[in-house]
Amino acid sequence: MSRPQHFALAPVHYQRGEGRARVKKTRRKISPLVKPLVLALGSTVLAFFATHGVYRFLTSWKNLEVKTIQVSCSAGPVKAEIERMTREMHWGNIFRLRLNQIQTRIESCAWVKEARVRKIVPDSVKIEIVPRTPFALLQKDAWVLIDEEGRELETTTPEKYPALPSIISRDRFLAGIQEKVGLARECLKSLPAADFAAVETLDLSDPGEIVLTFRSGPPRLILGDALFSQKIALYRESQDRWEALFGPLEYVDLRFENRIYVKPAEAGGADPLSKPDKEER
């Protein structure tokens, strides 16, 4: 055998296997975060439906219907009025109550300054009332009882509240009522308790002027619009001396700094804001 023949190889022919060749598909890898996110979403959905179901059950359960209303208030008549009001209200399920709406309705009562409402599960509501305190009588077309904020509480008569001061004006407060009542309130709140109790009337007929009369009677004190307690204290200190000098007084004008005008009672019924007969310095 020759050398070339020794190294010659038989030709190899490629043969396809029987049947269709299988195509190898590339698989995409799933992110490791997807599965926890899906589980979390599923848990959230289940929790939502479970909570919704519990809420629907609780808000329709007859055992949670409000049965008891507890009203606490230091003023007996105000407490009785709120109890009457609550008996006329529809309460329903305790979880469906809107406390702010109940509070607003109760505070619409003139005598209620503040209402605190809270639920007591399973079937009670407690209402704590801060009542308004009568402060003075206001002479409009009829006498009106007001508190220290100027809130009108009821139509009344001076005989019903004899210990309270009266606030009056020639025009029955047809104009400037807020300013006048505010000035009267400022005056009364500045007084010591003994002087407050002794006040009979505050006359605000003239803008920016207060004329005060005590229950003990004349004189009238013309106070102006400021330093009320100091002026009254000065009058208290000087009253005996002035009456010794001039006799019974019709009025004392304390509006001016370093000057005091007094008018003896025998001078007659002249205008109290006109020039008086006597002057003190």
Protein backbone atom coordinates (compact mmCIF):
# COMPACT_ATOMS: atom_id res chain seq x y z
CA MET A 1 0.00 0.00 0.00
CA SER A 2 1.32 3.32 -0.96
CA ARG A 3 1.70 6.08 1.65
CA PRO A 4 -1.11 8.34 0.31
CA GLN A 5 -3.59 5.50 0.35
CA HIS A 6 -2.75 4.72 3.96
CA PHE A 7 -3.91 8.18 5.17
CA ALA A 8 -7.05 8.49 3.04
CA LEU A 9 -10.32 8.43 5.04
CA ALA A 10 -13.74 7.41 3.93
CA PRO A 11 -16.04 10.35 3.49
CA VAL A 12 -18.53 10.93 6.38
CA HIS A 13 -22.10 11.91 5.49
CA TYR A 14 -24.32 13.89 8.01
CA GLN A 15 -27.60 12.15 8.63
CA ARG A 16 -30.59 13.79 10.39
CA GLY A 17 -32.24 11.64 13.03
CA GLU A 18 -35.64 10.32 12.49
CA GLY A 19 -38.50 12.64 13.49
CA ARG A 20 -38.59 16.45 13.98
CA ALA A 21 -35.70 18.05 15.70
CA ARG A 22 -36.53 19.57 19.11
CA VAL A 23 -35.89 23.29 19.40
CA LYS A 24 -34.34 24.26 22.70
CA LYS A 25 -36.19 27.26 24.25
CA THR A 26 -34.50 29.81 26.44
CA ARG A 27 -36.21 30.17 29.81
CA ARG A 28 -36.48 33.62 31.42
CA LYS A 29 -35.53 33.73 35.05
CA ILE A 30 -38.20 35.09 37.44
CA SER A 31 -37.04 37.94 39.69
CA PRO A 32 -36.71 36.82 43.33
CA LEU A 33 -38.87 39.83 44.39
CA VAL A 34 -41.94 38.89 42.39
CA LYS A 35 -43.09 36.02 44.54
CA PRO A 36 -42.98 37.96 47.86
CA LEU A 37 -44.79 40.88 46.22
CA VAL A 38 -47.54 38.61 44.93
CA LEU A 39 -47.90 37.03 48.37
CA ALA A 40 -48.01 40.44 50.05
CA LEU A 41 -50.65 41.70 47.61
CA GLY A 42 -52.74 38.62 48.12
CA SER A 43 -52.49 38.97 51.90
CA THR A 44 -53.52 42.62 51.67
CA VAL A 45 -56.56 41.80 49.57
CA LEU A 46 -57.60 39.04 51.98
CA ALA A 47 -57.09 41.32 54.97
CA PHE A 48 -59.19 44.05 53.31
CA PHE A 49 -62.10 41.76 52.66
CA ALA A 50 -61.82 40.26 56.14
CA THR A 51 -61.80 43.71 57.75
CA HIS A 52 -64.68 44.86 55.59
CA GLY A 53 -66.65 41.83 56.59
CA VAL A 54 -65.98 42.42 60.29
CA TYR A 55 -66.92 46.10 59.95
CA ARG A 56 -70.20 45.26 58.22
CA PHE A 57 -70.97 42.76 60.94
CA LEU A 58 -70.18 45.14 63.80
CA THR A 59 -72.08 48.07 62.31
CA SER A 60 -75.19 45.99 61.84
CA TRP A 61 -75.07 43.99 65.08
CA LYS A 62 -78.09 44.70 67.28
CA ASN A 63 -76.05 44.27 70.46
CA LEU A 64 -74.11 47.43 69.54
CA GLU A 65 -77.19 49.66 69.28
CA VAL A 66 -76.90 52.68 71.64
CA LYS A 67 -79.13 52.13 74.66
CA THR A 68 -77.79 54.49 77.35
CA ILE A 69 -77.05 58.23 77.19
CA GLN A 70 -75.18 59.67 80.19
CA VAL A 71 -75.35 63.47 80.56
CA SER A 72 -73.07 65.23 83.02
CA CYS A 73 -73.60 68.95 83.78
CA SER A 74 -73.25 71.15 86.86
CA ALA A 75 -76.36 73.19 85.97
CA GLY A 76 -79.53 71.22 86.63
CA PRO A 77 -81.84 73.00 84.12
CA VAL A 78 -79.23 72.72 81.36
CA LYS A 79 -78.76 69.02 82.08
CA ALA A 80 -82.52 68.47 81.91
CA GLU A 81 -82.71 70.29 78.56
CA ILE A 82 -79.92 68.20 77.03
CA GLU A 83 -81.47 64.98 78.33
CA ARG A 84 -84.73 65.99 76.67
CA MET A 85 -82.86 66.72 73.45
CA THR A 86 -81.07 63.36 73.45
CA ARG A 87 -84.33 61.47 73.90
CA GLU A 88 -85.53 62.95 70.61
CA MET A 89 -82.36 61.97 68.70
CA HIS A 90 -81.91 58.75 66.72
CA TRP A 91 -78.71 57.01 67.82
CA GLY A 92 -78.44 53.62 66.08
CA ASN A 93 -75.24 51.55 66.03
CA ILE A 94 -72.44 52.92 68.20
CA PHE A 95 -69.83 52.51 65.44
CA ARG A 96 -71.89 54.59 63.02
CA LEU A 97 -72.13 57.63 65.31
CA ARG A 98 -70.57 60.87 64.09
CA LEU A 99 -69.46 62.49 67.33
CA ASN A 100 -68.68 65.87 65.75
CA GLN A 101 -72.25 66.11 64.41
CA ILE A 102 -73.69 65.25 67.83
CA GLN A 103 -71.43 67.81 69.49
CA THR A 104 -72.45 70.54 67.05
CA ARG A 105 -76.14 69.83 67.62
CA ILE A 106 -75.81 69.95 71.40
CA GLU A 107 -73.74 73.15 71.32
CA SER A 108 -76.51 74.80 69.31
CA CYS A 109 -78.38 75.01 72.63
CA ALA A 110 -77.98 78.59 73.90
CA TRP A 111 -77.03 77.50 77.42
CA VAL A 112 -74.26 75.11 76.30
CA LYS A 113 -70.78 76.61 76.11
CA GLU A 114 -68.99 73.34 75.29
CA ALA A 115 -69.99 69.70 74.83
CA ARG A 116 -67.64 66.71 74.96
CA VAL A 117 -69.10 63.51 73.52
CA ARG A 118 -67.51 60.05 73.65
CA LYS A 119 -68.53 56.48 72.96
CA ILE A 120 -68.50 53.78 75.64
CA VAL A 121 -68.58 50.38 73.91
CA PRO A 122 -70.78 48.38 73.63
CA ASP A 123 -73.93 50.54 73.94
CA SER A 124 -73.42 53.86 75.79
CA VAL A 125 -72.62 57.48 75.00
CA LYS A 126 -71.33 59.96 77.59
CA ILE A 127 -71.92 63.71 77.15
CA GLU A 128 -70.11 66.21 79.36
CA ILE A 129 -71.56 69.74 79.29
CA VAL A 130 -69.86 73.01 80.23
CA PRO A 131 -72.79 75.41 80.77
CA ARG A 132 -72.79 79.14 80.14
CA THR A 133 -72.93 81.38 83.20
CA PRO A 134 -75.37 84.33 83.36
CA PHE A 135 -73.42 87.59 83.45
CA ALA A 136 -75.78 90.53 82.98
CA LEU A 137 -79.20 91.66 81.72
CA LEU A 138 -79.45 93.53 78.43
CA GLN A 139 -82.39 95.88 77.80
CA LYS A 140 -83.44 95.46 74.18
CA ASP A 141 -87.12 95.44 73.15
CA ALA A 142 -87.34 92.91 75.99
CA TRP A 143 -84.88 92.06 78.74
CA VAL A 144 -82.33 89.48 77.59
CA LEU A 145 -80.01 87.41 79.77
CA ILE A 146 -76.42 87.26 78.44
CA ASP A 147 -73.22 85.48 79.44
CA GLU A 148 -69.78 87.11 79.62
CA GLU A 149 -69.20 86.49 75.91
CA GLY A 150 -72.36 88.43 75.07
CA ARG A 151 -74.25 85.28 74.05
CA GLU A 152 -78.00 85.72 74.51
CA LEU A 153 -79.32 82.94 76.73
CA GLU A 154 -83.01 83.69 77.16
CA THR A 155 -85.66 86.39 77.32
CA THR A 156 -86.32 87.20 80.96
CA THR A 157 -87.09 89.94 83.53
CA PRO A 158 -84.86 91.73 86.05
CA GLU A 159 -86.97 90.25 88.84
CA LYS A 160 -85.84 86.76 87.89
CA TYR A 161 -82.14 87.68 88.21
CA PRO A 162 -82.06 90.47 90.83
CA ALA A 163 -78.35 89.99 91.60
CA LEU A 164 -77.16 90.70 88.04
CA PRO A 165 -76.30 94.17 86.69
CA SER A 166 -78.41 95.68 83.91
CA ILE A 167 -76.91 97.12 80.71
CA ILE A 168 -79.10 99.82 79.15
CA SER A 169 -79.07 102.29 76.24
CA ARG A 170 -81.56 104.92 75.09
CA ASP A 171 -81.84 103.31 71.65
CA ARG A 172 -82.33 99.79 73.08
CA PHE A 173 -79.12 98.76 71.29
CA LEU A 174 -80.44 99.29 67.78
CA ALA A 175 -76.91 100.37 66.78
CA GLY A 176 -73.42 99.43 67.96
CA ILE A 177 -74.54 96.58 70.16
CA GLN A 178 -71.28 94.62 69.88
CA GLU A 179 -69.12 97.61 70.81
CA LYS A 180 -71.39 98.65 73.68
CA VAL A 181 -71.72 95.18 75.16
CA GLY A 182 -67.98 94.66 74.78
CA LEU A 183 -67.25 97.88 76.69
CA ALA A 184 -69.73 96.95 79.43
CA ARG A 185 -68.16 93.51 79.72
CA GLU A 186 -64.67 95.04 79.98
CA CYS A 187 -65.88 97.31 82.76
CA LEU A 188 -67.65 94.63 84.79
CA LYS A 189 -64.84 92.08 84.50
CA SER A 190 -62.31 94.63 85.73
CA LEU A 191 -64.18 95.19 89.01
CA PRO A 192 -63.48 93.43 92.30
CA ALA A 193 -66.18 90.96 93.31
CA ALA A 194 -67.69 93.33 95.88
CA ASP A 195 -68.03 96.18 93.38
CA PHE A 196 -69.39 93.84 90.69
CA ALA A 197 -72.12 92.65 93.06
CA ALA A 198 -72.97 96.26 93.95
CA VAL A 199 -73.53 97.44 90.35
CA GLU A 200 -77.17 98.06 89.44
CA THR A 201 -76.92 99.55 85.92
CA LEU A 202 -74.44 100.44 83.22
CA ASP A 203 -75.79 103.10 80.88
CA LEU A 204 -74.17 103.10 77.42
CA SER A 205 -76.47 105.61 75.74
CA ASP A 206 -73.51 107.70 74.56
CA PRO A 207 -70.83 106.02 72.40
CA GLY A 208 -67.65 105.24 74.31
CA GLU A 209 -69.12 106.34 77.65
CA ILE A 210 -70.19 104.27 80.62
CA VAL A 211 -72.36 105.75 83.36
CA LEU A 212 -72.50 103.41 86.35
CA THR A 213 -75.04 103.35 89.18
CA PHE A 214 -74.72 101.25 92.32
CA ARG A 215 -77.62 99.51 94.03
CA SER A 216 -77.15 101.80 97.01
CA GLY A 217 -78.37 104.66 94.78
CA PRO A 218 -76.87 107.97 93.60
CA PRO A 219 -74.52 109.32 92.59
CA ARG A 220 -74.05 108.18 89.03
CA LEU A 221 -70.40 107.65 88.10
CA ILE A 222 -69.37 108.84 84.63
CA LEU A 223 -66.43 106.55 83.87
CA GLY A 224 -65.59 107.12 80.20
CA ASP A 225 -64.10 104.12 78.43
CA ALA A 226 -61.07 102.98 80.45
CA LEU A 227 -59.51 102.52 83.93
CA PHE A 228 -62.86 101.56 85.41
CA SER A 229 -61.71 99.86 88.61
CA GLN A 230 -59.20 102.63 89.40
CA LYS A 231 -61.83 105.34 89.00
CA ILE A 232 -64.31 103.49 91.19
CA ALA A 233 -61.61 102.95 93.83
CA LEU A 234 -60.90 106.69 93.78
CA TYR A 235 -64.61 107.41 94.24
CA ARG A 236 -64.79 105.00 97.18
CA GLU A 237 -61.84 106.72 98.84
CA SER A 238 -63.24 110.23 98.36
CA GLN A 239 -66.99 109.73 98.69
CA ASP A 240 -67.31 110.74 102.34
CA ARG A 241 -65.16 113.86 101.89
CA TRP A 242 -67.08 115.02 98.81
CA GLU A 243 -70.43 114.52 100.48
CA ALA A 244 -69.18 116.42 103.54
CA LEU A 245 -68.21 119.33 101.27
CA PHE A 246 -71.13 119.36 98.82
CA GLY A 247 -73.87 117.25 100.40
CA PRO A 248 -75.59 114.38 98.54
CA LEU A 249 -74.29 114.05 95.00
CA GLU A 250 -76.19 113.62 91.76
CA TYR A 251 -73.17 112.45 89.78
CA VAL A 252 -69.37 112.29 89.77
CA ASP A 253 -67.55 112.75 86.48
CA LEU A 254 -64.31 110.76 86.52
CA ARG A 255 -63.48 110.88 82.81
CA PHE A 256 -60.68 113.43 82.94
CA GLU A 257 -57.13 112.99 84.16
CA ASN A 258 -56.29 115.12 87.25
CA ARG A 259 -59.80 116.61 87.28
CA ILE A 260 -63.00 115.38 88.90
CA TYR A 261 -66.36 117.09 88.55
CA VAL A 262 -69.06 116.54 91.11
CA LYS A 263 -72.63 117.78 91.01
CA PRO A 264 -74.66 118.15 94.17
CA ALA A 265 -78.11 116.61 94.11
CA GLU A 266 -79.89 119.88 94.84
CA ALA A 267 -78.76 121.32 91.49
CA GLY A 268 -81.66 119.54 89.77
CA GLY A 269 -81.84 117.24 86.81
CA ALA A 270 -79.42 118.91 84.40
CA ASP A 271 -77.64 116.97 81.70
CA PRO A 272 -74.93 114.92 83.51
CA LEU A 273 -72.47 115.60 80.69
CA SER A 274 -72.86 119.37 80.89
CA LYS A 275 -70.47 121.50 82.91
CA PRO A 276 -70.95 120.61 86.59
CA ASP A 277 -71.10 122.93 89.57
CA LYS A 278 -68.05 121.75 91.51
CA GLU A 279 -64.56 120.75 90.49
CA GLU A 280 -61.97 118.64 92.33
CA ARG A 281 -58.32 118.40 91.38
